[in-house]
Amino acid sequence: ATQAWLLSTWHVQVPFAWLQACVKWLQEEAGGANRLSQQQINQQVLDQWLLTDLRDLDHPVLPEGLAQAQKTELSGFFCVQVDSLLDISQPAYGQLQKWRGTDCSNDEVSAVTQATQRPWEAKPNRMLLLQVTDGVQSLEAMEYQSIPALSSALRPGAKLQLQGQVVSRLGVLLLGPSNVKVLGGEVEDLVERNNQGKVLCQTLGLPEEEQ
């Protein structure tokens, strides 16, 4: 019942063996098989899935060979995990300073810039580049149209539902606002390994201890 609910409500696919083990563990934690309603089991299994590294499930949902395909179009619903993300529309060094909280010196400058900025000198649109995986295939996904649901504060390991028509070119998924639903979650290990500071240091080729 839980497997059907996950698929019909959230388009989430999980291996049956993992689901069985998860339900058994939840029931033991609750103190017996009859302590949880089906609704509670469903919700708690979803919560566990949101915190699970999809690599551990080893259950592919994306079409095979997507990363190598020249150009292809996905259609339907696919749940993927965000391993890391980076705003490629802004200089990485400025982002790192801001992340470290050492960006005070530029506050006055930027206040002046904003005051003198002419209407046609629009701020560059944010463009996030995400490393995503279905647990087996890893790809990049690019915010080629602004997606309000996404933010650079998204936790590594968060799960996204990709939906509708999504174009993939050379292993890069091109995402717009109608293609993405954020389901939430995180993966503890990834949060530590791929926090914004570390990703920015890697991008700049800086040693990570300089964070």
N, C-alpha and C. Protein backbone atom coordinates (compact mmCIF):
# COMPACT_ATOMS: atom_id res chain seq x y z
N ALA A 1 0.83 -1.21 0.00
CA ALA A 1 0.00 0.00 0.00
C ALA A 1 0.87 1.26 0.00
N THR A 2 1.94 1.21 0.79
CA THR A 2 2.83 2.38 0.87
C THR A 2 3.50 2.63 -0.47
N GLN A 3 3.92 1.55 -1.13
CA GLN A 3 4.60 1.70 -2.43
C GLN A 3 3.67 2.38 -3.44
N ALA A 4 2.41 1.97 -3.46
CA ALA A 4 1.42 2.55 -4.38
C ALA A 4 1.17 4.02 -4.04
N TRP A 5 1.10 4.33 -2.73
CA TRP A 5 0.87 5.71 -2.30
C TRP A 5 2.03 6.61 -2.70
N LEU A 6 3.27 6.14 -2.48
CA LEU A 6 4.45 6.93 -2.84
C LEU A 6 4.44 7.25 -4.33
N LEU A 7 4.10 6.24 -5.12
CA LEU A 7 4.13 6.41 -6.58
C LEU A 7 3.00 7.32 -7.05
N SER A 8 1.79 7.08 -6.55
CA SER A 8 0.64 7.85 -7.06
C SER A 8 0.62 9.29 -6.53
N THR A 9 1.07 9.49 -5.29
CA THR A 9 1.01 10.83 -4.69
C THR A 9 2.24 11.66 -5.00
N TRP A 10 3.43 11.02 -4.97
CA TRP A 10 4.69 11.76 -5.06
C TRP A 10 5.55 11.36 -6.26
N HIS A 11 5.12 10.34 -7.00
CA HIS A 11 5.94 9.82 -8.12
C HIS A 11 7.30 9.34 -7.63
N VAL A 12 7.31 8.83 -6.41
CA VAL A 12 8.55 8.32 -5.82
C VAL A 12 8.60 6.81 -5.99
N GLN A 13 9.70 6.33 -6.57
CA GLN A 13 9.90 4.89 -6.73
C GLN A 13 11.01 4.43 -5.80
N VAL A 14 10.74 3.36 -5.06
CA VAL A 14 11.77 2.81 -4.15
C VAL A 14 11.84 1.30 -4.32
N PRO A 15 13.00 0.69 -4.05
CA PRO A 15 13.09 -0.76 -4.10
C PRO A 15 12.24 -1.39 -3.00
N PHE A 16 11.58 -2.48 -3.31
CA PHE A 16 10.67 -3.10 -2.35
C PHE A 16 11.40 -3.55 -1.08
N ALA A 17 12.63 -4.07 -1.26
CA ALA A 17 13.40 -4.56 -0.09
C ALA A 17 13.66 -3.42 0.89
N TRP A 18 14.00 -2.22 0.35
CA TRP A 18 14.24 -1.06 1.22
C TRP A 18 12.96 -0.67 1.94
N LEU A 19 11.85 -0.69 1.20
CA LEU A 19 10.55 -0.30 1.77
C LEU A 19 10.17 -1.23 2.91
N GLN A 20 10.33 -2.53 2.69
CA GLN A 20 10.01 -3.52 3.73
C GLN A 20 10.83 -3.28 4.99
N ALA A 21 12.15 -3.08 4.78
CA ALA A 21 13.05 -2.87 5.92
C ALA A 21 12.68 -1.58 6.66
N CYS A 22 12.32 -0.56 5.90
CA CYS A 22 11.97 0.74 6.48
C CYS A 22 10.70 0.64 7.32
N VAL A 23 9.67 -0.01 6.78
CA VAL A 23 8.40 -0.17 7.49
C VAL A 23 8.61 -0.98 8.77
N LYS A 24 9.40 -2.05 8.65
CA LYS A 24 9.68 -2.90 9.82
C LYS A 24 10.37 -2.08 10.91
N TRP A 25 11.35 -1.29 10.51
CA TRP A 25 12.09 -0.46 11.47
C TRP A 25 11.16 0.57 12.13
N LEU A 26 10.30 1.20 11.34
CA LEU A 26 9.37 2.21 11.87
C LEU A 26 8.42 1.58 12.89
N GLN A 27 7.94 0.36 12.56
CA GLN A 27 7.01 -0.31 13.47
C GLN A 27 7.70 -0.70 14.78
N GLU A 28 8.95 -1.15 14.66
CA GLU A 28 9.71 -1.49 15.88
C GLU A 28 9.93 -0.25 16.75
N GLU A 29 10.28 0.86 16.08
CA GLU A 29 10.51 2.12 16.80
C GLU A 29 9.24 2.57 17.52
N ALA A 30 8.09 2.30 16.89
CA ALA A 30 6.81 2.74 17.46
C ALA A 30 6.33 1.79 18.56
N GLY A 31 7.00 0.62 18.67
CA GLY A 31 6.64 -0.31 19.74
C GLY A 31 5.67 -1.39 19.34
N GLY A 32 5.58 -1.69 18.05
CA GLY A 32 4.70 -2.78 17.61
C GLY A 32 4.04 -2.49 16.28
N ALA A 33 3.68 -3.57 15.59
CA ALA A 33 3.16 -3.46 14.22
C ALA A 33 1.83 -2.70 14.15
N ASN A 34 1.06 -2.71 15.25
CA ASN A 34 -0.27 -2.10 15.18
C ASN A 34 -0.31 -0.67 15.71
N ARG A 35 0.85 -0.16 16.08
CA ARG A 35 0.87 1.18 16.71
C ARG A 35 0.71 2.31 15.69
N LEU A 36 1.04 2.04 14.44
CA LEU A 36 1.00 3.10 13.42
C LEU A 36 -0.12 2.85 12.42
N SER A 37 -0.84 3.92 12.08
CA SER A 37 -1.85 3.78 11.02
C SER A 37 -1.14 3.75 9.66
N GLN A 38 -1.87 3.30 8.64
CA GLN A 38 -1.28 3.26 7.29
C GLN A 38 -0.82 4.66 6.87
N GLN A 39 -1.62 5.65 7.24
CA GLN A 39 -1.29 7.05 6.90
C GLN A 39 0.02 7.48 7.56
N GLN A 40 0.20 7.09 8.82
CA GLN A 40 1.44 7.44 9.53
C GLN A 40 2.64 6.73 8.91
N ILE A 41 2.45 5.46 8.58
CA ILE A 41 3.53 4.70 7.94
C ILE A 41 3.93 5.37 6.63
N ASN A 42 2.92 5.70 5.81
CA ASN A 42 3.20 6.34 4.52
C ASN A 42 4.05 7.59 4.70
N GLN A 43 3.59 8.47 5.61
CA GLN A 43 4.28 9.75 5.80
C GLN A 43 5.70 9.54 6.34
N GLN A 44 5.85 8.60 7.27
CA GLN A 44 7.17 8.38 7.88
C GLN A 44 8.14 7.73 6.90
N VAL A 45 7.62 6.88 6.01
CA VAL A 45 8.48 6.30 4.97
C VAL A 45 8.95 7.40 4.03
N LEU A 46 8.04 8.31 3.66
CA LEU A 46 8.43 9.44 2.80
C LEU A 46 9.50 10.28 3.49
N ASP A 47 9.31 10.55 4.78
CA ASP A 47 10.30 11.34 5.54
C ASP A 47 11.67 10.66 5.53
N GLN A 48 11.67 9.33 5.69
CA GLN A 48 12.94 8.59 5.67
C GLN A 48 13.60 8.68 4.29
N TRP A 49 12.78 8.55 3.25
CA TRP A 49 13.30 8.62 1.87
C TRP A 49 13.95 9.98 1.60
N LEU A 50 13.33 11.05 2.13
CA LEU A 50 13.86 12.41 1.92
C LEU A 50 15.25 12.58 2.54
N LEU A 51 15.56 11.76 3.55
CA LEU A 51 16.85 11.87 4.24
C LEU A 51 17.85 10.79 3.78
N THR A 52 17.44 9.98 2.81
CA THR A 52 18.28 8.86 2.34
C THR A 52 19.08 9.28 1.11
N ASP A 53 20.34 8.88 1.06
CA ASP A 53 21.13 9.10 -0.15
C ASP A 53 20.64 8.12 -1.21
N LEU A 54 20.16 8.63 -2.33
CA LEU A 54 19.58 7.75 -3.36
C LEU A 54 20.59 6.74 -3.89
N ARG A 55 21.88 7.03 -3.73
CA ARG A 55 22.90 6.05 -4.16
C ARG A 55 22.77 4.75 -3.36
N ASP A 56 22.34 4.87 -2.12
CA ASP A 56 22.19 3.67 -1.28
C ASP A 56 21.03 2.81 -1.76
N LEU A 57 20.06 3.43 -2.44
CA LEU A 57 18.90 2.66 -2.94
C LEU A 57 19.22 1.98 -4.27
N ASP A 58 20.14 2.59 -5.04
CA ASP A 58 20.57 2.00 -6.30
C ASP A 58 19.36 1.62 -7.17
N HIS A 59 18.43 2.57 -7.32
CA HIS A 59 17.17 2.29 -8.02
C HIS A 59 16.95 3.36 -9.09
N PRO A 60 17.47 3.14 -10.32
CA PRO A 60 17.43 4.20 -11.34
C PRO A 60 16.01 4.52 -11.81
N VAL A 61 15.76 5.80 -12.07
CA VAL A 61 14.45 6.21 -12.62
C VAL A 61 14.62 6.97 -13.94
N LEU A 62 15.79 7.57 -14.16
CA LEU A 62 16.02 8.32 -15.40
C LEU A 62 16.33 7.35 -16.54
N PRO A 63 15.99 7.74 -17.79
CA PRO A 63 16.30 6.87 -18.93
C PRO A 63 17.79 6.58 -19.00
N GLU A 64 18.12 5.34 -19.33
CA GLU A 64 19.52 4.92 -19.40
C GLU A 64 20.28 5.72 -20.46
N GLY A 65 21.53 6.04 -20.17
CA GLY A 65 22.38 6.71 -21.16
C GLY A 65 22.08 8.18 -21.36
N LEU A 66 21.32 8.77 -20.43
CA LEU A 66 20.91 10.17 -20.57
C LEU A 66 22.12 11.11 -20.58
N ALA A 67 23.10 10.80 -19.75
CA ALA A 67 24.28 11.67 -19.64
C ALA A 67 25.07 11.73 -20.95
N GLN A 68 24.98 10.67 -21.76
CA GLN A 68 25.76 10.63 -23.00
C GLN A 68 24.96 11.14 -24.21
N ALA A 69 23.65 11.26 -24.06
CA ALA A 69 22.81 11.61 -25.22
C ALA A 69 23.07 13.04 -25.68
N GLN A 70 23.19 13.23 -27.00
CA GLN A 70 23.43 14.54 -27.60
C GLN A 70 22.31 15.51 -27.23
N LYS A 71 21.08 15.11 -27.56
CA LYS A 71 19.91 15.91 -27.20
C LYS A 71 18.71 14.98 -27.10
N THR A 72 18.01 15.11 -26.01
CA THR A 72 16.83 14.26 -25.84
C THR A 72 15.82 15.02 -24.98
N GLU A 73 14.58 14.56 -24.98
CA GLU A 73 13.56 15.23 -24.17
C GLU A 73 12.92 14.24 -23.22
N LEU A 74 12.88 14.62 -21.97
CA LEU A 74 12.22 13.79 -20.96
C LEU A 74 10.78 14.22 -20.84
N SER A 75 9.93 13.26 -20.58
CA SER A 75 8.53 13.59 -20.38
C SER A 75 8.00 12.72 -19.25
N GLY A 76 7.30 13.33 -18.30
CA GLY A 76 6.78 12.56 -17.18
C GLY A 76 7.28 13.11 -15.86
N PHE A 77 7.40 12.23 -14.87
CA PHE A 77 7.81 12.63 -13.52
C PHE A 77 9.03 11.82 -13.10
N PHE A 78 10.06 12.51 -12.61
CA PHE A 78 11.28 11.84 -12.17
C PHE A 78 11.75 12.50 -10.88
N CYS A 79 12.00 11.69 -9.86
CA CYS A 79 12.51 12.24 -8.61
C CYS A 79 14.02 12.08 -8.55
N VAL A 80 14.72 13.19 -8.31
CA VAL A 80 16.18 13.16 -8.26
C VAL A 80 16.66 13.85 -6.98
N GLN A 81 17.93 13.65 -6.71
CA GLN A 81 18.56 14.23 -5.52
C GLN A 81 19.58 15.28 -5.96
N VAL A 82 19.59 16.41 -5.24
CA VAL A 82 20.58 17.46 -5.51
C VAL A 82 21.82 17.18 -4.66
N ASP A 83 22.94 16.90 -5.31
CA ASP A 83 24.18 16.65 -4.56
C ASP A 83 24.85 17.97 -4.16
N SER A 84 24.84 18.94 -5.08
CA SER A 84 25.41 20.25 -4.77
C SER A 84 24.85 21.26 -5.76
N LEU A 85 25.03 22.54 -5.48
CA LEU A 85 24.57 23.56 -6.42
C LEU A 85 25.44 24.80 -6.32
N LEU A 86 25.43 25.58 -7.40
CA LEU A 86 26.28 26.76 -7.49
C LEU A 86 25.57 27.80 -8.35
N ASP A 87 25.61 29.05 -7.92
CA ASP A 87 25.05 30.14 -8.74
C ASP A 87 26.14 30.59 -9.71
N ILE A 88 25.97 30.24 -11.00
CA ILE A 88 27.04 30.55 -11.97
C ILE A 88 26.85 31.93 -12.61
N SER A 89 25.84 32.68 -12.15
CA SER A 89 25.65 34.03 -12.70
C SER A 89 26.44 35.08 -11.91
N GLN A 90 26.95 34.69 -10.74
CA GLN A 90 27.67 35.63 -9.87
C GLN A 90 29.12 35.17 -9.70
N PRO A 91 30.07 36.12 -9.55
CA PRO A 91 31.46 35.72 -9.31
C PRO A 91 31.57 34.86 -8.05
N ALA A 92 32.28 33.74 -8.17
CA ALA A 92 32.38 32.80 -7.04
C ALA A 92 33.08 33.44 -5.84
N TYR A 93 34.07 34.31 -6.09
CA TYR A 93 34.82 34.90 -4.97
C TYR A 93 33.92 35.77 -4.10
N GLY A 94 33.09 36.58 -4.75
CA GLY A 94 32.15 37.43 -4.02
C GLY A 94 31.17 36.59 -3.20
N GLN A 95 30.72 35.48 -3.80
CA GLN A 95 29.79 34.59 -3.09
C GLN A 95 30.47 33.97 -1.86
N LEU A 96 31.75 33.61 -2.03
CA LEU A 96 32.48 32.99 -0.92
C LEU A 96 32.65 34.00 0.23
N GLN A 97 32.99 35.24 -0.12
CA GLN A 97 33.13 36.28 0.92
C GLN A 97 31.81 36.48 1.67
N LYS A 98 30.74 36.50 0.90
CA LYS A 98 29.42 36.69 1.50
C LYS A 98 29.10 35.52 2.43
N TRP A 99 29.42 34.32 1.94
CA TRP A 99 29.15 33.11 2.73
C TRP A 99 29.94 33.13 4.03
N ARG A 100 31.18 33.63 3.94
CA ARG A 100 32.03 33.70 5.14
C ARG A 100 31.65 34.85 6.05
N GLY A 101 30.83 35.77 5.53
CA GLY A 101 30.46 36.94 6.32
C GLY A 101 31.52 38.01 6.33
N THR A 102 32.39 38.02 5.28
CA THR A 102 33.46 39.04 5.23
C THR A 102 33.17 40.06 4.13
N ASP A 103 31.90 40.20 3.81
CA ASP A 103 31.56 41.03 2.66
C ASP A 103 31.19 42.46 3.04
N CYS A 104 31.53 42.87 4.29
CA CYS A 104 31.06 44.18 4.79
C CYS A 104 31.64 45.35 4.00
N SER A 105 32.92 45.22 3.60
CA SER A 105 33.60 46.35 2.96
C SER A 105 32.90 46.81 1.69
N ASN A 106 32.19 45.91 1.06
CA ASN A 106 31.56 46.28 -0.21
C ASN A 106 30.14 46.81 -0.04
N ASP A 107 29.63 46.81 1.18
CA ASP A 107 28.24 47.21 1.37
C ASP A 107 27.98 48.63 0.88
N GLU A 108 28.91 49.56 1.23
CA GLU A 108 28.71 50.95 0.81
C GLU A 108 28.80 51.07 -0.70
N VAL A 109 29.78 50.37 -1.27
CA VAL A 109 29.97 50.41 -2.72
C VAL A 109 28.70 49.93 -3.42
N SER A 110 28.17 48.79 -2.94
CA SER A 110 27.00 48.25 -3.62
C SER A 110 25.78 49.14 -3.41
N ALA A 111 25.71 49.83 -2.26
CA ALA A 111 24.60 50.76 -2.03
C ALA A 111 24.66 51.90 -3.03
N VAL A 112 25.87 52.41 -3.26
CA VAL A 112 26.06 53.48 -4.25
C VAL A 112 25.74 52.97 -5.65
N THR A 113 26.24 51.77 -5.95
CA THR A 113 25.99 51.18 -7.27
C THR A 113 24.50 51.06 -7.53
N GLN A 114 23.77 50.56 -6.51
CA GLN A 114 22.33 50.38 -6.68
C GLN A 114 21.64 51.72 -6.91
N ALA A 115 22.11 52.73 -6.19
CA ALA A 115 21.49 54.05 -6.30
C ALA A 115 21.74 54.65 -7.69
N THR A 116 22.92 54.35 -8.25
CA THR A 116 23.26 54.97 -9.54
C THR A 116 22.99 54.04 -10.73
N GLN A 117 22.52 52.84 -10.41
CA GLN A 117 22.29 51.89 -11.50
C GLN A 117 21.11 52.36 -12.36
N ARG A 118 21.34 52.43 -13.64
CA ARG A 118 20.26 52.87 -14.52
C ARG A 118 19.28 51.72 -14.73
N PRO A 119 18.02 52.06 -15.02
CA PRO A 119 16.99 51.01 -15.13
C PRO A 119 17.37 49.91 -16.13
N TRP A 120 18.07 50.30 -17.21
CA TRP A 120 18.37 49.28 -18.23
C TRP A 120 19.57 48.42 -17.86
N GLU A 121 20.30 48.82 -16.81
CA GLU A 121 21.42 47.99 -16.36
C GLU A 121 20.89 46.95 -15.37
N ALA A 122 20.15 46.03 -15.90
CA ALA A 122 19.48 45.05 -15.05
C ALA A 122 20.50 44.17 -14.33
N LYS A 123 20.13 43.75 -13.13
CA LYS A 123 20.99 42.80 -12.41
C LYS A 123 20.98 41.49 -13.19
N PRO A 124 22.11 40.78 -13.22
CA PRO A 124 22.10 39.53 -13.96
C PRO A 124 21.13 38.54 -13.32
N ASN A 125 20.40 37.81 -14.16
CA ASN A 125 19.49 36.81 -13.63
C ASN A 125 20.29 35.69 -12.97
N ARG A 126 19.80 35.23 -11.84
CA ARG A 126 20.45 34.10 -11.19
C ARG A 126 20.38 32.88 -12.10
N MET A 127 21.46 32.11 -12.12
CA MET A 127 21.44 30.86 -12.86
C MET A 127 22.12 29.78 -12.01
N LEU A 128 21.32 28.90 -11.45
CA LEU A 128 21.88 27.84 -10.61
C LEU A 128 22.28 26.64 -11.47
N LEU A 129 23.44 26.08 -11.16
CA LEU A 129 23.87 24.84 -11.79
C LEU A 129 23.85 23.78 -10.69
N LEU A 130 23.04 22.75 -10.90
CA LEU A 130 22.88 21.72 -9.88
C LEU A 130 23.51 20.41 -10.35
N GLN A 131 24.15 19.72 -9.43
CA GLN A 131 24.59 18.34 -9.68
C GLN A 131 23.47 17.45 -9.12
N VAL A 132 22.84 16.67 -10.00
CA VAL A 132 21.72 15.83 -9.55
C VAL A 132 21.99 14.36 -9.88
N THR A 133 21.30 13.49 -9.15
CA THR A 133 21.43 12.05 -9.42
C THR A 133 20.11 11.35 -9.11
N ASP A 134 19.87 10.24 -9.82
CA ASP A 134 18.72 9.40 -9.44
C ASP A 134 19.21 8.23 -8.59
N GLY A 135 20.49 8.30 -8.21
CA GLY A 135 21.09 7.23 -7.42
C GLY A 135 22.03 6.37 -8.24
N VAL A 136 21.83 6.38 -9.56
CA VAL A 136 22.68 5.59 -10.47
C VAL A 136 23.35 6.50 -11.49
N GLN A 137 22.55 7.36 -12.13
CA GLN A 137 23.09 8.31 -13.11
C GLN A 137 23.24 9.69 -12.48
N SER A 138 24.38 10.32 -12.74
CA SER A 138 24.58 11.69 -12.26
C SER A 138 24.64 12.64 -13.45
N LEU A 139 23.97 13.78 -13.31
CA LEU A 139 23.87 14.76 -14.40
C LEU A 139 24.00 16.16 -13.82
N GLU A 140 24.12 17.14 -14.72
CA GLU A 140 23.99 18.53 -14.30
C GLU A 140 22.61 19.02 -14.71
N ALA A 141 22.07 19.94 -13.95
CA ALA A 141 20.79 20.55 -14.29
C ALA A 141 20.96 22.06 -14.19
N MET A 142 20.51 22.77 -15.20
CA MET A 142 20.72 24.21 -15.23
C MET A 142 19.39 24.96 -15.19
N GLU A 143 19.36 25.99 -14.34
CA GLU A 143 18.19 26.86 -14.24
C GLU A 143 18.26 27.85 -15.41
N TYR A 144 17.72 27.45 -16.56
CA TYR A 144 17.86 28.35 -17.72
C TYR A 144 16.72 29.36 -17.76
N GLN A 145 15.67 29.14 -16.97
CA GLN A 145 14.65 30.17 -16.72
C GLN A 145 14.50 30.24 -15.20
N SER A 146 14.25 31.43 -14.67
CA SER A 146 14.20 31.60 -13.22
C SER A 146 13.17 30.66 -12.57
N ILE A 147 13.61 29.96 -11.53
CA ILE A 147 12.74 29.01 -10.82
C ILE A 147 12.59 29.48 -9.37
N PRO A 148 11.48 30.15 -9.04
CA PRO A 148 11.30 30.70 -7.69
C PRO A 148 11.41 29.64 -6.59
N ALA A 149 11.03 28.41 -6.89
CA ALA A 149 11.06 27.34 -5.87
C ALA A 149 12.48 26.99 -5.44
N LEU A 150 13.47 27.29 -6.28
CA LEU A 150 14.86 26.95 -5.96
C LEU A 150 15.55 28.11 -5.27
N SER A 151 16.51 27.78 -4.42
CA SER A 151 17.35 28.84 -3.85
C SER A 151 18.72 28.24 -3.56
N SER A 152 19.72 29.10 -3.44
CA SER A 152 21.07 28.58 -3.18
C SER A 152 21.18 28.05 -1.76
N ALA A 153 20.11 28.24 -0.97
CA ALA A 153 20.11 27.69 0.40
C ALA A 153 19.60 26.25 0.44
N LEU A 154 19.26 25.70 -0.73
CA LEU A 154 18.79 24.31 -0.80
C LEU A 154 19.86 23.39 -0.22
N ARG A 155 19.45 22.48 0.65
CA ARG A 155 20.41 21.61 1.34
C ARG A 155 20.89 20.49 0.43
N PRO A 156 22.19 20.21 0.39
CA PRO A 156 22.66 19.07 -0.39
C PRO A 156 21.96 17.78 0.06
N GLY A 157 21.49 17.02 -0.91
CA GLY A 157 20.72 15.81 -0.60
C GLY A 157 19.23 16.03 -0.71
N ALA A 158 18.80 17.29 -0.92
CA ALA A 158 17.37 17.58 -1.09
C ALA A 158 16.84 16.86 -2.33
N LYS A 159 15.56 16.51 -2.28
CA LYS A 159 14.95 15.80 -3.40
C LYS A 159 14.08 16.75 -4.22
N LEU A 160 14.18 16.62 -5.53
CA LEU A 160 13.35 17.39 -6.46
C LEU A 160 12.50 16.44 -7.28
N GLN A 161 11.32 16.91 -7.63
CA GLN A 161 10.51 16.19 -8.61
C GLN A 161 10.60 16.96 -9.92
N LEU A 162 11.14 16.31 -10.94
CA LEU A 162 11.18 16.92 -12.28
C LEU A 162 9.92 16.49 -13.00
N GLN A 163 9.28 17.44 -13.67
CA GLN A 163 8.01 17.11 -14.30
C GLN A 163 7.86 17.82 -15.63
N GLY A 164 6.94 17.30 -16.45
CA GLY A 164 6.67 17.92 -17.75
C GLY A 164 7.73 17.59 -18.78
N GLN A 165 7.87 18.48 -19.76
CA GLN A 165 8.86 18.29 -20.83
C GLN A 165 10.19 18.93 -20.40
N VAL A 166 11.21 18.11 -20.29
CA VAL A 166 12.54 18.62 -19.91
C VAL A 166 13.54 18.25 -21.00
N VAL A 167 14.19 19.26 -21.57
CA VAL A 167 15.21 19.00 -22.59
C VAL A 167 16.54 18.71 -21.91
N SER A 168 17.23 17.70 -22.42
CA SER A 168 18.57 17.37 -21.93
C SER A 168 19.54 17.46 -23.09
N ARG A 169 20.58 18.28 -22.92
CA ARG A 169 21.63 18.40 -23.95
C ARG A 169 22.96 18.00 -23.34
N LEU A 170 23.58 17.00 -23.95
CA LEU A 170 24.92 16.55 -23.51
C LEU A 170 25.00 16.37 -21.99
N GLY A 171 24.00 15.73 -21.43
CA GLY A 171 24.02 15.44 -20.00
C GLY A 171 23.67 16.60 -19.10
N VAL A 172 23.12 17.68 -19.68
CA VAL A 172 22.67 18.83 -18.86
C VAL A 172 21.16 18.99 -19.04
N LEU A 173 20.42 18.91 -17.95
CA LEU A 173 18.97 19.11 -17.99
C LEU A 173 18.68 20.61 -17.94
N LEU A 174 17.86 21.09 -18.86
CA LEU A 174 17.52 22.52 -18.89
C LEU A 174 16.17 22.71 -18.19
N LEU A 175 16.19 23.38 -17.06
CA LEU A 175 15.00 23.47 -16.22
C LEU A 175 14.37 24.86 -16.21
N GLY A 176 13.05 24.88 -16.25
CA GLY A 176 12.29 26.11 -16.09
C GLY A 176 11.35 25.95 -14.90
N PRO A 177 10.59 27.01 -14.56
CA PRO A 177 9.76 26.98 -13.35
C PRO A 177 8.70 25.88 -13.34
N SER A 178 8.22 25.49 -14.53
CA SER A 178 7.16 24.46 -14.55
C SER A 178 7.72 23.05 -14.42
N ASN A 179 9.05 22.91 -14.44
CA ASN A 179 9.67 21.58 -14.42
C ASN A 179 10.07 21.09 -13.04
N VAL A 180 10.00 21.98 -12.03
CA VAL A 180 10.62 21.62 -10.74
C VAL A 180 9.64 21.78 -9.58
N LYS A 181 9.59 20.73 -8.77
CA LYS A 181 8.87 20.82 -7.49
C LYS A 181 9.87 20.36 -6.42
N VAL A 182 10.08 21.18 -5.42
CA VAL A 182 11.03 20.83 -4.35
C VAL A 182 10.30 20.00 -3.30
N LEU A 183 10.79 18.77 -3.08
CA LEU A 183 10.16 17.89 -2.10
C LEU A 183 10.79 18.04 -0.72
N GLY A 184 12.02 18.57 -0.69
CA GLY A 184 12.69 18.81 0.59
C GLY A 184 13.68 17.72 0.94
N GLY A 185 14.06 17.70 2.21
CA GLY A 185 15.01 16.69 2.68
C GLY A 185 16.45 17.15 2.57
N GLU A 186 17.35 16.28 2.99
CA GLU A 186 18.79 16.53 2.93
C GLU A 186 19.48 15.21 3.22
N VAL A 187 20.78 15.14 2.97
CA VAL A 187 21.58 13.96 3.33
C VAL A 187 22.76 14.48 4.15
N GLU A 188 22.80 14.04 5.40
CA GLU A 188 23.78 14.57 6.37
C GLU A 188 25.21 14.62 5.81
N ASP A 189 25.63 13.50 5.23
CA ASP A 189 26.99 13.38 4.71
C ASP A 189 27.24 14.41 3.59
N LEU A 190 26.24 14.60 2.73
CA LEU A 190 26.38 15.56 1.62
C LEU A 190 26.36 17.00 2.11
N VAL A 191 25.56 17.27 3.14
CA VAL A 191 25.49 18.62 3.71
C VAL A 191 26.88 19.04 4.19
N GLU A 192 27.58 18.07 4.79
CA GLU A 192 28.93 18.34 5.29
C GLU A 192 29.93 18.50 4.14
N ARG A 193 29.81 17.59 3.16
CA ARG A 193 30.80 17.52 2.08
C ARG A 193 30.62 18.61 1.04
N ASN A 194 29.37 18.98 0.79
CA ASN A 194 29.08 19.90 -0.33
C ASN A 194 28.43 21.20 0.11
N ASN A 195 28.79 21.70 1.30
CA ASN A 195 28.20 22.99 1.69
C ASN A 195 28.72 24.08 0.74
N GLN A 196 28.02 25.22 0.74
CA GLN A 196 28.35 26.29 -0.22
C GLN A 196 29.81 26.69 -0.17
N GLY A 197 30.35 26.80 1.05
CA GLY A 197 31.75 27.20 1.20
C GLY A 197 32.70 26.26 0.49
N LYS A 198 32.49 24.96 0.67
CA LYS A 198 33.37 23.97 0.05
C LYS A 198 33.22 23.98 -1.47
N VAL A 199 31.98 24.07 -1.94
CA VAL A 199 31.75 24.08 -3.40
C VAL A 199 32.42 25.30 -4.03
N LEU A 200 32.30 26.46 -3.37
CA LEU A 200 32.92 27.69 -3.90
C LEU A 200 34.44 27.60 -3.86
N CYS A 201 34.99 27.04 -2.78
CA CYS A 201 36.45 26.86 -2.70
C CYS A 201 36.95 25.96 -3.82
N GLN A 202 36.22 24.87 -4.07
CA GLN A 202 36.61 23.96 -5.16
C GLN A 202 36.56 24.69 -6.50
N THR A 203 35.52 25.49 -6.70
CA THR A 203 35.37 26.23 -7.95
C THR A 203 36.54 27.18 -8.16
N LEU A 204 36.97 27.81 -7.06
CA LEU A 204 38.06 28.79 -7.14
C LEU A 204 39.44 28.14 -7.04
N GLY A 205 39.46 26.82 -6.79
CA GLY A 205 40.75 26.13 -6.64
C GLY A 205 41.46 26.50 -5.35
N LEU A 206 40.68 26.89 -4.33
CA LEU A 206 41.28 27.26 -3.03
C LEU A 206 41.28 26.05 -2.11
N PRO A 207 42.27 25.96 -1.21
CA PRO A 207 42.22 24.88 -0.23
C PRO A 207 41.00 25.06 0.67
N GLU A 208 40.34 23.97 0.98
CA GLU A 208 39.07 24.07 1.71
C GLU A 208 39.23 24.57 3.13
N GLU A 209 40.43 24.35 3.72
CA GLU A 209 40.59 24.82 5.11
C GLU A 209 40.54 26.34 5.20
N GLU A 210 40.66 27.01 4.03
CA GLU A 210 40.58 28.48 4.05
C GLU A 210 39.16 28.99 4.30
N GLN A 211 38.21 28.07 4.30
CA GLN A 211 36.84 28.50 4.59
C GLN A 211 36.76 29.23 5.91
